[in-house]
């Protein structure tokens, strides 16, 4: 799609998401927005746009991943910067939405932080939010502005359908009961059987997988989830299906959070392949590769075209759901 400056669109990015935003701009055939984020010696953040945004439709790409609070502040300050520079509309493009797991009160005297973050994004001056595979879909209702909730399913389906060696002896396994809907949808679209693991959470980073509903013996297992955080759920599930005779184990997850000892757990597990997307940057700001110890097992799929298409549709007031028409038909 050929764009030029006459369209009045600008795509900017926070420091952690420049690579992804540049790829989005390549798909849109438009220059990457020029802005700079600086950190003062006392830790305060300042954002400066280095080009005119008056009357423009502006998009800010930044996942609120680790360092979570720093990225959230940068996103909020970006909105204030663009609003005061008279941007016409400002959209927060948040591929990974941090604090999404704090979406309800699980005990007395605890916050609903996902709602707080939604309030902050609205109050900062954003007019719209574009995100991918929220941990809890109801978070869309936390915002008092439009939210476009994309799905990574088409990206993963294209990947697996182009590799028939992954699907000819396949059983899709949901690593926990809460993920049954997603797992069943993948099983239907890949023409595979489906199984469910009964999981019990022992603590914040420890889970216990106990039973399998379905058969995995002699089969290639695909486990799907929205994220890999500490790796406890997915590695426990992998150990269980291996114990029950699984031939091979592949994991597909949208968000590679990889907190704590996730990499070490995956390395010690029977998981052979881990397929993730680049909603969270592979490299830290210091230039370290988060996946270096499991390089031989991991593959990262790029979401830039999906977000480029969504930005194009938003700017031209077109339907976002149209991007998933084929996916919806497959689900039916």
Protein backbone atom coordinates (compact mmCIF):
# COMPACT_ATOMS: atom_id res chain seq x y z
CA UNK A 1 0.00 0.00 0.00
CA UNK A 2 1.53 3.29 -1.10
CA UNK A 3 1.18 6.19 1.30
CA UNK A 4 2.57 9.71 1.35
CA UNK A 5 2.62 12.64 3.73
CA UNK A 6 -0.67 13.95 2.34
CA UNK A 7 -2.52 11.24 4.26
CA UNK A 8 -1.57 12.96 7.51
CA UNK A 9 -0.52 9.76 9.29
CA UNK A 10 2.45 9.47 11.63
CA UNK A 11 3.67 6.30 13.32
CA UNK A 12 5.94 6.77 16.34
CA UNK A 13 7.41 4.30 18.82
CA UNK A 14 8.74 4.12 22.34
CA UNK A 15 12.36 3.12 22.81
CA UNK A 16 11.60 -0.59 23.22
CA UNK A 17 9.51 -0.90 20.06
CA UNK A 18 11.40 0.99 17.37
CA UNK A 19 12.27 -2.11 15.33
CA UNK A 20 8.66 -3.28 15.15
CA UNK A 21 7.36 0.21 14.34
CA UNK A 22 9.89 0.60 11.53
CA UNK A 23 8.67 -2.69 10.01
CA UNK A 24 5.07 -1.47 10.30
CA UNK A 25 6.05 1.69 8.39
CA UNK A 26 7.75 -0.41 5.71
CA UNK A 27 4.47 -2.26 5.11
CA UNK A 28 2.64 1.07 4.97
CA UNK A 29 5.30 2.49 2.61
CA UNK A 30 5.68 5.59 4.74
CA UNK A 31 8.51 7.17 6.78
CA UNK A 32 8.91 6.32 10.44
CA UNK A 33 7.90 9.19 12.73
CA UNK A 34 10.80 11.08 14.24
CA UNK A 35 10.68 11.42 18.01
CA UNK A 36 13.13 11.02 20.86
CA UNK A 37 12.78 9.77 24.42
CA UNK A 38 15.41 10.87 26.92
CA UNK A 39 16.00 9.88 30.53
CA UNK A 40 17.12 12.56 32.95
CA UNK A 41 19.79 11.69 35.54
CA UNK A 42 17.09 11.41 38.21
CA UNK A 43 15.14 8.85 36.14
CA UNK A 44 12.45 11.17 34.76
CA UNK A 45 11.35 10.65 31.14
CA UNK A 46 10.84 13.29 28.46
CA UNK A 47 9.48 12.71 24.96
CA UNK A 48 10.09 15.12 22.08
CA UNK A 49 8.58 14.89 18.60
CA UNK A 50 10.98 16.17 15.97
CA UNK A 51 8.40 16.87 13.25
CA UNK A 52 5.06 18.62 12.90
CA UNK A 53 2.03 16.60 14.03
CA UNK A 54 -0.63 19.33 13.97
CA UNK A 55 -3.85 17.88 12.60
CA UNK A 56 -2.25 14.45 12.04
CA UNK A 57 -3.54 10.96 12.82
CA UNK A 58 -0.80 9.68 15.15
CA UNK A 59 -0.05 6.13 16.27
CA UNK A 60 2.33 5.33 19.14
CA UNK A 61 3.70 1.77 19.17
CA UNK A 62 4.84 0.53 22.57
CA UNK A 63 4.25 -2.69 24.50
CA UNK A 64 3.96 -2.23 28.24
CA UNK A 65 6.36 -5.10 28.89
CA UNK A 66 9.48 -5.22 31.08
CA UNK A 67 10.41 -2.62 32.26
CA UNK A 68 6.65 -2.38 32.66
CA UNK A 69 6.23 0.81 34.67
CA UNK A 70 8.86 2.68 32.66
CA UNK A 71 7.15 1.76 29.39
CA UNK A 72 3.74 2.77 30.75
CA UNK A 73 5.06 6.19 31.74
CA UNK A 74 6.72 6.65 28.35
CA UNK A 75 3.44 5.77 26.61
CA UNK A 76 1.48 8.25 28.74
CA UNK A 77 4.02 11.02 28.24
CA UNK A 78 3.98 10.35 24.48
CA UNK A 79 0.24 10.99 24.45
CA UNK A 80 0.59 14.24 26.38
CA UNK A 81 3.38 15.35 24.02
CA UNK A 82 1.30 14.70 20.89
CA UNK A 83 -1.88 16.16 22.38
CA UNK A 84 -0.11 19.41 23.28
CA UNK A 85 1.39 19.47 19.78
CA UNK A 86 -2.20 19.50 18.38
CA UNK A 87 -2.37 16.01 16.89
CA UNK A 88 -5.87 15.35 15.52
CA UNK A 89 -6.17 11.79 16.86
CA UNK A 90 -3.78 9.66 18.94
CA UNK A 91 -3.93 5.87 18.99
CA UNK A 92 -2.02 3.75 21.49
CA UNK A 93 -0.70 0.69 19.66
CA UNK A 94 0.03 -1.71 22.52
CA UNK A 95 0.96 -5.16 21.12
CA UNK A 96 1.37 -6.53 24.66
CA UNK A 97 -0.78 -5.00 27.38
CA UNK A 98 0.93 -5.28 30.76
CA UNK A 99 -1.05 -5.70 34.01
CA UNK A 100 -3.72 -7.59 32.01
CA UNK A 101 -3.72 -10.42 34.55
CA UNK A 102 -4.82 -8.02 37.29
CA UNK A 103 -8.29 -7.73 35.76
CA UNK A 104 -10.40 -8.59 38.83
CA UNK A 105 -10.33 -8.77 42.62
CA UNK A 106 -9.16 -12.26 43.54
CA UNK A 107 -9.04 -11.43 47.26
CA UNK A 108 -10.10 -8.69 49.62
CA UNK A 109 -8.23 -5.36 49.65
CA UNK A 110 -6.57 -5.85 46.25
CA UNK A 111 -6.61 -3.52 43.22
CA UNK A 112 -7.90 -4.03 39.70
CA UNK A 113 -4.77 -2.62 38.11
CA UNK A 114 -5.77 -3.33 34.51
CA UNK A 115 -8.64 -0.87 34.97
CA UNK A 116 -6.28 1.70 36.51
CA UNK A 117 -3.94 1.46 33.50
CA UNK A 118 -6.92 1.84 31.15
CA UNK A 119 -7.97 4.98 33.02
CA UNK A 120 -4.46 6.42 32.77
CA UNK A 121 -4.29 5.77 29.02
CA UNK A 122 -7.61 7.55 28.49
CA UNK A 123 -6.73 10.49 30.74
CA UNK A 124 -3.33 10.93 29.08
CA UNK A 125 -5.10 11.88 25.85
CA UNK A 126 -5.30 8.76 23.71
CA UNK A 127 -8.39 8.57 21.52
CA UNK A 128 -8.15 4.89 20.65
CA UNK A 129 -6.31 1.69 21.61
CA UNK A 130 -5.05 -1.04 19.28
CA UNK A 131 -3.84 -4.21 20.96
CA UNK A 132 -3.33 -7.94 20.41
CA UNK A 133 -4.55 -11.02 22.30
CA UNK A 134 -5.46 -9.48 25.64
CA UNK A 135 -5.10 -11.97 28.48
CA UNK A 136 -8.72 -11.23 29.39
CA UNK A 137 -10.96 -9.99 26.56
CA UNK A 138 -13.20 -8.09 28.96
CA UNK A 139 -10.41 -5.55 29.50
CA UNK A 140 -11.75 -3.87 26.35
CA UNK A 141 -14.64 -2.73 28.53
CA UNK A 142 -12.27 -1.02 30.97
CA UNK A 143 -11.66 1.75 28.42
CA UNK A 144 -14.02 4.66 27.73
CA UNK A 145 -12.56 4.95 24.22
CA UNK A 146 -12.70 2.52 21.26
CA UNK A 147 -10.48 -0.56 21.55
CA UNK A 148 -9.50 -2.65 18.53
CA UNK A 149 -8.59 -6.11 19.77
CA UNK A 150 -6.57 -8.05 17.19
CA UNK A 151 -5.95 -11.81 17.17
CA UNK A 152 -2.66 -13.51 16.31
CA UNK A 153 -4.45 -16.69 15.20
CA UNK A 154 -4.14 -16.00 11.45
CA UNK A 155 -0.37 -15.60 11.80
CA UNK A 156 0.03 -18.91 13.64
CA UNK A 157 -2.39 -20.72 11.32
CA UNK A 158 -0.47 -19.56 8.23
CA UNK A 159 2.72 -20.80 9.86
CA UNK A 160 1.41 -24.28 10.72
CA UNK A 161 -0.63 -24.79 7.56
CA UNK A 162 2.48 -24.12 5.47
CA UNK A 163 4.29 -26.89 7.37
CA UNK A 164 2.22 -30.07 6.96
CA UNK A 165 4.84 -32.07 8.85
CA UNK A 166 3.59 -30.32 12.01
CA UNK A 167 -0.08 -31.16 11.47
CA UNK A 168 -0.44 -34.65 9.98
CA UNK A 169 -0.23 -36.46 13.36
CA UNK A 170 -1.37 -33.55 15.49
CA UNK A 171 -3.32 -33.21 18.71
CA UNK A 172 -3.87 -29.71 20.09
CA UNK A 173 -3.60 -29.57 23.88
CA UNK A 174 -4.97 -26.82 26.09
CA UNK A 175 -2.45 -26.40 28.96
CA UNK A 176 -5.27 -25.42 31.32
CA UNK A 177 -9.06 -25.34 31.42
CA UNK A 178 -9.17 -21.55 30.97
CA UNK A 179 -7.62 -21.89 27.51
CA UNK A 180 -10.10 -24.45 26.15
CA UNK A 181 -11.88 -22.10 23.74
CA UNK A 182 -8.67 -21.04 22.02
CA UNK A 183 -7.27 -24.58 21.89
CA UNK A 184 -10.48 -26.01 20.47
CA UNK A 185 -10.56 -23.33 17.75
CA UNK A 186 -7.02 -24.22 16.67
CA UNK A 187 -7.89 -27.92 16.65
CA UNK A 188 -10.87 -27.29 14.38
CA UNK A 189 -8.94 -25.10 11.95
CA UNK A 190 -5.97 -27.48 11.76
CA UNK A 191 -8.17 -30.56 11.50
CA UNK A 192 -6.61 -32.01 14.64
CA UNK A 193 -7.85 -33.78 17.75
CA UNK A 194 -8.12 -31.91 21.03
CA UNK A 195 -7.10 -32.62 24.62
CA UNK A 196 -7.23 -30.68 27.89
CA UNK A 197 -4.92 -30.62 30.90
CA UNK A 198 -6.28 -30.15 34.40
CA UNK A 199 -4.00 -27.65 36.15
CA UNK A 200 -3.80 -26.44 39.74
CA UNK A 201 -1.84 -23.31 40.61
CA UNK A 202 0.26 -23.76 43.76
CA UNK A 203 1.75 -20.25 43.85
CA UNK A 204 2.51 -17.28 41.58
CA UNK A 205 5.23 -19.15 39.70
CA UNK A 206 4.39 -22.80 40.45
CA UNK A 207 1.65 -24.93 38.92
CA UNK A 208 0.79 -28.62 39.10
CA UNK A 209 -0.57 -30.37 36.01
CA UNK A 210 -2.43 -33.48 37.10
CA UNK A 211 -4.65 -35.13 34.45
CA UNK A 212 -5.15 -35.22 30.69
CA UNK A 213 -8.63 -35.34 29.17
CA UNK A 214 -7.95 -36.98 25.81
CA UNK A 215 -5.14 -39.05 24.29
CA UNK A 216 -1.65 -37.86 23.29
CA UNK A 217 0.17 -41.20 23.02
CA UNK A 218 2.31 -41.37 19.88
CA UNK A 219 1.06 -37.97 18.72
CA UNK A 220 2.69 -34.64 17.89
CA UNK A 221 1.40 -32.19 20.50
CA UNK A 222 0.73 -28.51 19.89
CA UNK A 223 0.01 -26.43 22.99
CA UNK A 224 -1.38 -22.93 22.43
CA UNK A 225 -1.62 -20.05 24.90
CA UNK A 226 -1.77 -16.27 24.86
CA UNK A 227 1.53 -15.89 26.74
CA UNK A 228 4.48 -17.63 28.33
CA UNK A 229 5.27 -15.80 31.56
CA UNK A 230 7.31 -17.80 34.09
CA UNK A 231 6.96 -20.94 31.98
CA UNK A 232 5.50 -22.94 34.86
CA UNK A 233 2.20 -23.84 33.22
CA UNK A 234 3.59 -24.77 29.81
CA UNK A 235 6.57 -26.77 31.13
CA UNK A 236 4.46 -28.73 33.63
CA UNK A 237 1.99 -29.50 30.86
CA UNK A 238 4.82 -30.58 28.54
CA UNK A 239 6.20 -32.94 31.18
CA UNK A 240 2.75 -34.48 31.65
CA UNK A 241 2.05 -35.09 27.94
CA UNK A 242 5.56 -36.50 27.50
CA UNK A 243 4.89 -38.88 30.39
CA UNK A 244 1.72 -39.98 28.59
CA UNK A 245 3.64 -40.85 25.42
CA UNK A 246 3.64 -37.70 23.28
CA UNK A 247 5.96 -38.05 20.29
CA UNK A 248 6.92 -34.35 20.05
CA UNK A 249 5.86 -31.12 21.74
CA UNK A 250 5.49 -27.68 20.14
CA UNK A 251 4.31 -24.58 21.98
CA UNK A 252 2.73 -21.53 20.30
CA UNK A 253 2.18 -18.37 22.36
CA UNK A 254 1.56 -14.79 21.30
CA UNK A 255 3.49 -13.00 24.04
CA UNK A 256 6.97 -14.16 25.04
CA UNK A 257 7.06 -12.53 28.49
CA UNK A 258 9.66 -15.03 29.74
CA UNK A 259 9.81 -13.72 33.30
CA UNK A 260 12.02 -15.13 36.04
CA UNK A 261 13.52 -18.51 35.14
CA UNK A 262 11.27 -19.17 32.13
CA UNK A 263 14.17 -19.75 29.73
CA UNK A 264 15.84 -22.21 32.11
CA UNK A 265 12.56 -24.09 32.58
CA UNK A 266 11.99 -24.38 28.83
CA UNK A 267 15.57 -25.49 28.28
CA UNK A 268 15.14 -28.28 30.84
CA UNK A 269 11.71 -29.31 29.50
CA UNK A 270 10.81 -31.80 26.73
CA UNK A 271 9.50 -28.93 24.56
CA UNK A 272 11.14 -29.14 21.13
CA UNK A 273 9.83 -25.95 19.48
CA UNK A 274 8.54 -22.65 20.84
CA UNK A 275 6.76 -20.38 18.37
CA UNK A 276 6.10 -16.80 19.56
CA UNK A 277 5.53 -13.37 18.06
CA UNK A 278 7.52 -10.16 18.45
CA UNK A 279 4.96 -8.27 20.56
CA UNK A 280 7.76 -8.11 23.13
CA UNK A 281 11.23 -7.23 21.80
CA UNK A 282 13.75 -10.03 21.64
CA UNK A 283 16.57 -7.68 22.59
CA UNK A 284 16.76 -5.70 25.80
CA UNK A 285 17.78 -2.02 25.74
CA UNK A 286 21.24 -3.24 26.73
CA UNK A 287 21.37 -5.35 23.57
CA UNK A 288 21.10 -8.76 25.26
CA UNK A 289 19.23 -11.54 23.44
CA UNK A 290 16.55 -12.89 25.78
CA UNK A 291 16.36 -16.17 23.83
CA UNK A 292 20.05 -16.93 23.40
CA UNK A 293 19.98 -20.03 25.65
CA UNK A 294 17.12 -21.63 23.67
CA UNK A 295 18.12 -20.37 20.22
CA UNK A 296 17.78 -23.85 18.72
CA UNK A 297 14.15 -24.20 19.88
CA UNK A 298 12.57 -20.80 19.35
CA UNK A 299 11.09 -19.12 16.30
CA UNK A 300 9.70 -15.59 16.30
CA UNK A 301 6.88 -14.63 13.93
CA UNK A 302 6.51 -10.97 12.95
CA UNK A 303 3.22 -9.16 13.61
CA UNK A 304 4.15 -5.97 11.72
CA UNK A 305 1.88 -6.59 8.70
CA UNK A 306 -1.10 -7.33 10.93
CA UNK A 307 -0.65 -4.01 12.73
CA UNK A 308 0.08 -2.15 9.49
CA UNK A 309 -3.20 -3.42 8.03
CA UNK A 310 -5.05 -2.42 11.21
CA UNK A 311 -3.56 1.10 11.16
CA UNK A 312 -4.55 1.44 7.51
CA UNK A 313 -8.14 0.40 8.31
CA UNK A 314 -8.38 2.68 11.35
CA UNK A 315 -7.11 5.72 9.47
CA UNK A 316 -9.55 5.12 6.60
CA UNK A 317 -12.46 4.33 8.96
CA UNK A 318 -12.71 0.76 7.71
CA UNK A 319 -13.75 -2.35 9.60
CA UNK A 320 -11.07 -4.07 11.68
CA UNK A 321 -13.10 -7.28 11.85
CA UNK A 322 -12.77 -7.52 8.06
CA UNK A 323 -9.11 -8.41 8.62
CA UNK A 324 -10.26 -11.63 10.32
CA UNK A 325 -13.07 -12.60 7.98
CA UNK A 326 -11.33 -15.76 6.74
CA UNK A 327 -10.40 -16.70 10.29
CA UNK A 328 -13.99 -16.29 11.47
CA UNK A 329 -15.25 -18.44 8.61
CA UNK A 330 -12.76 -21.15 9.50
CA UNK A 331 -13.94 -21.10 13.11
CA UNK A 332 -17.52 -21.63 12.05
